[in-house]
Amino acid sequence: MHKTEKPKETDEYLIAGWSKRYGREISLGEVYEINANLSAFVDVMERMDRYLKQKHRQKKPSEK
């Protein structure tokens, strides 16, 4: 197996998990779309966290 390939069991596990969550059969394409959307959401939240921490650090000196 090539390093970047993941076992077929992983895909089946994800399909089963998301199918249970949505209460219907989910395709592998839908699993990839869900995971891409979640990944994008996490990226946005991490950027927002860094932005808020930066704003907080900028506020601190002016409060003294």
PDB file of N, CA and C in Angstrom:
ATOM      1  N   MET A   1       0.841  -1.181   0.000  1.00  0.00           N
ATOM      2  CA  MET A   1       0.000   0.000   0.000  1.00  0.00           C
ATOM      3  C   MET A   1       0.890   1.250   0.000  1.00  0.00           C
ATOM      4  N   HIS A   2       0.544   2.226  -0.806  1.00  0.00           N
ATOM      5  CA  HIS A   2       1.269   3.497  -0.873  1.00  0.00           C
ATOM      6  C   HIS A   2       1.036   4.271   0.423  1.00  0.00           C
ATOM      7  N   LYS A   3       2.025   5.077   0.813  1.00  0.00           N
ATOM      8  CA  LYS A   3       1.957   5.804   2.089  1.00  0.00           C
ATOM      9  C   LYS A   3       0.699   6.670   2.236  1.00  0.00           C
ATOM     10  N   THR A   4       0.276   7.343   1.146  1.00  0.00           N
ATOM     11  CA  THR A   4      -0.856   8.263   1.256  1.00  0.00           C
ATOM     12  C   THR A   4      -2.208   7.559   1.207  1.00  0.00           C
ATOM     13  N   GLU A   5      -2.228   6.277   0.825  1.00  0.00           N
ATOM     14  CA  GLU A   5      -3.490   5.546   0.782  1.00  0.00           C
ATOM     15  C   GLU A   5      -3.910   5.167   2.195  1.00  0.00           C
ATOM     16  N   LYS A   6      -5.205   5.197   2.421  1.00  0.00           N
ATOM     17  CA  LYS A   6      -5.688   4.742   3.720  1.00  0.00           C
ATOM     18  C   LYS A   6      -6.442   3.435   3.518  1.00  0.00           C
ATOM     19  N   PRO A   7      -6.491   2.614   4.539  1.00  0.00           N
ATOM     20  CA  PRO A   7      -7.169   1.328   4.395  1.00  0.00           C
ATOM     21  C   PRO A   7      -8.639   1.504   4.045  1.00  0.00           C
ATOM     22  N   LYS A   8      -9.164   0.580   3.279  1.00  0.00           N
ATOM     23  CA  LYS A   8     -10.577   0.608   2.900  1.00  0.00           C
ATOM     24  C   LYS A   8     -11.465   0.600   4.143  1.00  0.00           C
ATOM     25  N   GLU A   9     -11.000  -0.057   5.213  1.00  0.00           N
ATOM     26  CA  GLU A   9     -11.783  -0.109   6.448  1.00  0.00           C
ATOM     27  C   GLU A   9     -12.053   1.297   6.991  1.00  0.00           C
ATOM     28  N   THR A  10     -11.112   2.210   6.776  1.00  0.00           N
ATOM     29  CA  THR A  10     -11.295   3.583   7.245  1.00  0.00           C
ATOM     30  C   THR A  10     -12.481   4.219   6.544  1.00  0.00           C
ATOM     31  N   ASP A  11     -12.548   4.062   5.210  1.00  0.00           N
ATOM     32  CA  ASP A  11     -13.678   4.600   4.452  1.00  0.00           C
ATOM     33  C   ASP A  11     -14.989   3.988   4.934  1.00  0.00           C
ATOM     34  N   GLU A  12     -14.987   2.678   5.129  1.00  0.00           N
ATOM     35  CA  GLU A  12     -16.204   1.996   5.584  1.00  0.00           C
ATOM     36  C   GLU A  12     -16.615   2.481   6.974  1.00  0.00           C
ATOM     37  N   TYR A  13     -15.632   2.711   7.832  1.00  0.00           N
ATOM     38  CA  TYR A  13     -15.895   3.215   9.180  1.00  0.00           C
ATOM     39  C   TYR A  13     -16.528   4.609   9.112  1.00  0.00           C
ATOM     40  N   LEU A  14     -15.965   5.475   8.267  1.00  0.00           N
ATOM     41  CA  LEU A  14     -16.502   6.830   8.123  1.00  0.00           C
ATOM     42  C   LEU A  14     -17.911   6.811   7.540  1.00  0.00           C
ATOM     43  N   ILE A  15     -18.115   5.977   6.518  1.00  0.00           N
ATOM     44  CA  ILE A  15     -19.443   5.864   5.905  1.00  0.00           C
ATOM     45  C   ILE A  15     -20.459   5.399   6.946  1.00  0.00           C
ATOM     46  N   ALA A  16     -20.099   4.382   7.718  1.00  0.00           N
ATOM     47  CA  ALA A  16     -21.012   3.857   8.744  1.00  0.00           C
ATOM     48  C   ALA A  16     -21.320   4.920   9.798  1.00  0.00           C
ATOM     49  N   GLY A  17     -20.293   5.633  10.235  1.00  0.00           N
ATOM     50  CA  GLY A  17     -20.488   6.657  11.260  1.00  0.00           C
ATOM     51  C   GLY A  17     -21.370   7.800  10.795  1.00  0.00           C
ATOM     52  N   TRP A  18     -21.090   8.331   9.611  1.00  0.00           N
ATOM     53  CA  TRP A  18     -21.886   9.444   9.104  1.00  0.00           C
ATOM     54  C   TRP A  18     -23.285   8.992   8.711  1.00  0.00           C
ATOM     55  N   SER A  19     -23.418   7.758   8.207  1.00  0.00           N
ATOM     56  CA  SER A  19     -24.744   7.231   7.869  1.00  0.00           C
ATOM     57  C   SER A  19     -25.608   7.138   9.125  1.00  0.00           C
ATOM     58  N   LYS A  20     -25.007   6.681  10.216  1.00  0.00           N
ATOM     59  CA  LYS A  20     -25.737   6.591  11.487  1.00  0.00           C
ATOM     60  C   LYS A  20     -26.140   7.984  11.954  1.00  0.00           C
ATOM     61  N   ARG A  21     -25.223   8.926  11.838  1.00  0.00           N
ATOM     62  CA  ARG A  21     -25.480  10.303  12.279  1.00  0.00           C
ATOM     63  C   ARG A  21     -26.626  10.940  11.500  1.00  0.00           C
ATOM     64  N   TYR A  22     -26.646  10.720  10.164  1.00  0.00           N
ATOM     65  CA  TYR A  22     -27.665  11.328   9.309  1.00  0.00           C
ATOM     66  C   TYR A  22     -28.919  10.471   9.179  1.00  0.00           C
ATOM     67  N   GLY A  23     -28.881   9.240   9.667  1.00  0.00           N
ATOM     68  CA  GLY A  23     -30.052   8.380   9.606  1.00  0.00           C
ATOM     69  C   GLY A  23     -30.385   7.885   8.213  1.00  0.00           C
ATOM     70  N   ARG A  24     -29.403   7.896   7.328  1.00  0.00           N
ATOM     71  CA  ARG A  24     -29.568   7.382   5.966  1.00  0.00           C
ATOM     72  C   ARG A  24     -28.204   6.964   5.449  1.00  0.00           C
ATOM     73  N   GLU A  25     -28.203   6.226   4.351  1.00  0.00           N
ATOM     74  CA  GLU A  25     -26.943   5.770   3.759  1.00  0.00           C
ATOM     75  C   GLU A  25     -26.204   6.963   3.145  1.00  0.00           C
ATOM     76  N   ILE A  26     -24.958   7.135   3.499  1.00  0.00           N
ATOM     77  CA  ILE A  26     -24.113   8.223   3.004  1.00  0.00           C
ATOM     78  C   ILE A  26     -23.087   7.621   2.047  1.00  0.00           C
ATOM     79  N   SER A  27     -22.862   8.296   0.922  1.00  0.00           N
ATOM     80  CA  SER A  27     -21.869   7.805  -0.039  1.00  0.00           C
ATOM     81  C   SER A  27     -20.471   8.265   0.371  1.00  0.00           C
ATOM     82  N   LEU A  28     -19.463   7.621  -0.194  1.00  0.00           N
ATOM     83  CA  LEU A  28     -18.085   8.005   0.101  1.00  0.00           C
ATOM     84  C   LEU A  28     -17.826   9.445  -0.344  1.00  0.00           C
ATOM     85  N   GLY A  29     -18.414   9.854  -1.454  1.00  0.00           N
ATOM     86  CA  GLY A  29     -18.282  11.240  -1.914  1.00  0.00           C
ATOM     87  C   GLY A  29     -18.829  12.227  -0.899  1.00  0.00           C
ATOM     88  N   GLU A  30     -19.969  11.883  -0.307  1.00  0.00           N
ATOM     89  CA  GLU A  30     -20.553  12.747   0.723  1.00  0.00           C
ATOM     90  C   GLU A  30     -19.667  12.794   1.963  1.00  0.00           C
ATOM     91  N   VAL A  31     -19.060  11.658   2.309  1.00  0.00           N
ATOM     92  CA  VAL A  31     -18.137  11.616   3.450  1.00  0.00           C
ATOM     93  C   VAL A  31     -16.978  12.573   3.202  1.00  0.00           C
ATOM     94  N   TYR A  32     -16.406  12.526   1.996  1.00  0.00           N
ATOM     95  CA  TYR A  32     -15.293  13.425   1.667  1.00  0.00           C
ATOM     96  C   TYR A  32     -15.735  14.885   1.724  1.00  0.00           C
ATOM     97  N   GLU A  33     -16.953  15.172   1.256  1.00  0.00           N
ATOM     98  CA  GLU A  33     -17.466  16.542   1.289  1.00  0.00           C
ATOM     99  C   GLU A  33     -17.676  17.011   2.732  1.00  0.00           C
ATOM    100  N   ILE A  34     -18.249  16.148   3.560  1.00  0.00           N
ATOM    101  CA  ILE A  34     -18.456  16.481   4.977  1.00  0.00           C
ATOM    102  C   ILE A  34     -17.114  16.757   5.646  1.00  0.00           C
ATOM    103  N   ASN A  35     -16.142  15.884   5.417  1.00  0.00           N
ATOM    104  CA  ASN A  35     -14.829  16.051   6.042  1.00  0.00           C
ATOM    105  C   ASN A  35     -14.127  17.310   5.548  1.00  0.00           C
ATOM    106  N   ALA A  36     -14.287  17.644   4.257  1.00  0.00           N
ATOM    107  CA  ALA A  36     -13.689  18.872   3.724  1.00  0.00           C
ATOM    108  C   ALA A  36     -14.331  20.095   4.375  1.00  0.00           C
ATOM    109  N   ASN A  37     -15.650  20.066   4.534  1.00  0.00           N
ATOM    110  CA  ASN A  37     -16.344  21.184   5.174  1.00  0.00           C
ATOM    111  C   ASN A  37     -15.933  21.329   6.635  1.00  0.00           C
ATOM    112  N   LEU A  38     -15.804  20.216   7.329  1.00  0.00           N
ATOM    113  CA  LEU A  38     -15.358  20.270   8.728  1.00  0.00           C
ATOM    114  C   LEU A  38     -13.939  20.805   8.831  1.00  0.00           C
ATOM    115  N   SER A  39     -13.090  20.388   7.912  1.00  0.00           N
ATOM    116  CA  SER A  39     -11.708  20.857   7.906  1.00  0.00           C
ATOM    117  C   SER A  39     -11.657  22.366   7.664  1.00  0.00           C
ATOM    118  N   ALA A  40     -12.463  22.850   6.724  1.00  0.00           N
ATOM    119  CA  ALA A  40     -12.510  24.286   6.445  1.00  0.00           C
ATOM    120  C   ALA A  40     -13.029  25.044   7.663  1.00  0.00           C
ATOM    121  N   PHE A  41     -14.027  24.495   8.340  1.00  0.00           N
ATOM    122  CA  PHE A  41     -14.577  25.121   9.535  1.00  0.00           C
ATOM    123  C   PHE A  41     -13.517  25.235  10.634  1.00  0.00           C
ATOM    124  N   VAL A  42     -12.764  24.161  10.832  1.00  0.00           N
ATOM    125  CA  VAL A  42     -11.700  24.163  11.840  1.00  0.00           C
ATOM    126  C   VAL A  42     -10.648  25.211  11.489  1.00  0.00           C
ATOM    127  N   ASP A  43     -10.285  25.318  10.209  1.00  0.00           N
ATOM    128  CA  ASP A  43      -9.315  26.332   9.785  1.00  0.00           C
ATOM    129  C   ASP A  43      -9.807  27.734  10.130  1.00  0.00           C
ATOM    130  N   VAL A  44     -11.072  28.014   9.851  1.00  0.00           N
ATOM    131  CA  VAL A  44     -11.642  29.329  10.146  1.00  0.00           C
ATOM    132  C   VAL A  44     -11.630  29.589  11.652  1.00  0.00           C
ATOM    133  N   MET A  45     -12.002  28.594  12.433  1.00  0.00           N
ATOM    134  CA  MET A  45     -12.021  28.768  13.887  1.00  0.00           C
ATOM    135  C   MET A  45     -10.611  29.005  14.437  1.00  0.00           C
ATOM    136  N   GLU A  46      -9.615  28.310  13.893  1.00  0.00           N
ATOM    137  CA  GLU A  46      -8.234  28.518  14.339  1.00  0.00           C
ATOM    138  C   GLU A  46      -7.757  29.919  13.986  1.00  0.00           C
ATOM    139  N   ARG A  47      -8.106  30.390  12.776  1.00  0.00           N
ATOM    140  CA  ARG A  47      -7.723  31.757  12.392  1.00  0.00           C
ATOM    141  C   ARG A  47      -8.412  32.779  13.288  1.00  0.00           C
ATOM    142  N   MET A  48      -9.685  32.550  13.610  1.00  0.00           N
ATOM    143  CA  MET A  48     -10.410  33.467  14.484  1.00  0.00           C
ATOM    144  C   MET A  48      -9.777  33.481  15.871  1.00  0.00           C
ATOM    145  N   ASP A  49      -9.388  32.326  16.367  1.00  0.00           N
ATOM    146  CA  ASP A  49      -8.741  32.228  17.672  1.00  0.00           C
ATOM    147  C   ASP A  49      -7.436  33.021  17.690  1.00  0.00           C
ATOM    148  N   ARG A  50      -6.614  32.862  16.640  1.00  0.00           N
ATOM    149  CA  ARG A  50      -5.350  33.621  16.562  1.00  0.00           C
ATOM    150  C   ARG A  50      -5.626  35.117  16.497  1.00  0.00           C
ATOM    151  N   TYR A  51      -6.635  35.514  15.723  1.00  0.00           N
ATOM    152  CA  TYR A  51      -6.990  36.925  15.596  1.00  0.00           C
ATOM    153  C   TYR A  51      -7.418  37.496  16.951  1.00  0.00           C
ATOM    154  N   LEU A  52      -8.274  36.765  17.662  1.00  0.00           N
ATOM    155  CA  LEU A  52      -8.752  37.257  18.954  1.00  0.00           C
ATOM    156  C   LEU A  52      -7.628  37.331  19.979  1.00  0.00           C
ATOM    157  N   LYS A  53      -6.728  36.359  19.970  1.00  0.00           N
ATOM    158  CA  LYS A  53      -5.579  36.399  20.880  1.00  0.00           C
ATOM    159  C   LYS A  53      -4.684  37.587  20.563  1.00  0.00           C
ATOM    160  N   GLN A  54      -4.502  37.861  19.273  1.00  0.00           N
ATOM    161  CA  GLN A  54      -3.686  39.003  18.862  1.00  0.00           C
ATOM    162  C   GLN A  54      -4.352  40.306  19.312  1.00  0.00           C
ATOM    163  N   LYS A  55      -5.660  40.424  19.127  1.00  0.00           N
ATOM    164  CA  LYS A  55      -6.378  41.624  19.557  1.00  0.00           C
ATOM    165  C   LYS A  55      -6.275  41.786  21.074  1.00  0.00           C
ATOM    166  N   HIS A  56      -6.359  40.681  21.806  1.00  0.00           N
ATOM    167  CA  HIS A  56      -6.261  40.720  23.267  1.00  0.00           C
ATOM    168  C   HIS A  56      -4.877  41.215  23.694  1.00  0.00           C
ATOM    169  N   ARG A  57      -3.832  40.727  23.008  1.00  0.00           N
ATOM    170  CA  ARG A  57      -2.467  41.170  23.327  1.00  0.00           C
ATOM    171  C   ARG A  57      -2.288  42.650  23.010  1.00  0.00           C
ATOM    172  N   GLN A  58      -2.930  43.130  21.958  1.00  0.00           N
ATOM    173  CA  GLN A  58      -2.809  44.542  21.601  1.00  0.00           C
ATOM    174  C   GLN A  58      -3.521  45.419  22.622  1.00  0.00           C
ATOM    175  N   LYS A  59      -4.597  44.925  23.205  1.00  0.00           N
ATOM    176  CA  LYS A  59      -5.359  45.692  24.189  1.00  0.00           C
ATOM    177  C   LYS A  59      -4.612  45.834  25.503  1.00  0.00           C
ATOM    178  N   LYS A  60      -3.917  44.794  25.924  1.00  0.00           N
ATOM    179  CA  LYS A  60      -3.275  44.762  27.244  1.00  0.00           C
ATOM    180  C   LYS A  60      -2.392  45.979  27.531  1.00  0.00           C
ATOM    181  N   PRO A  61      -1.452  46.356  26.659  1.00  0.00           N
ATOM    182  CA  PRO A  61      -0.583  47.494  26.986  1.00  0.00           C
ATOM    183  C   PRO A  61      -1.350  48.798  27.184  1.00  0.00           C
ATOM    184  N   SER A  62      -2.423  49.012  26.437  1.00  0.00           N
ATOM    185  CA  SER A  62      -3.174  50.261  26.553  1.00  0.00           C
ATOM    186  C   SER A  62      -3.989  50.320  27.844  1.00  0.00           C
ATOM    187  N   GLU A  63      -4.237  49.181  28.461  1.00  0.00           N
ATOM    188  CA  GLU A  63      -4.993  49.153  29.710  1.00  0.00           C
ATOM    189  C   GLU A  63      -4.150  49.603  30.897  1.00  0.00           C
ATOM    190  N   LYS A  64      -2.825  49.519  30.779  1.00  0.00           N
ATOM    191  CA  LYS A  64      -1.939  49.874  31.901  1.00  0.00           C
ATOM    192  C   LYS A  64      -1.798  51.356  32.077  1.00  0.00           C
TER     193      LYS A  64
END
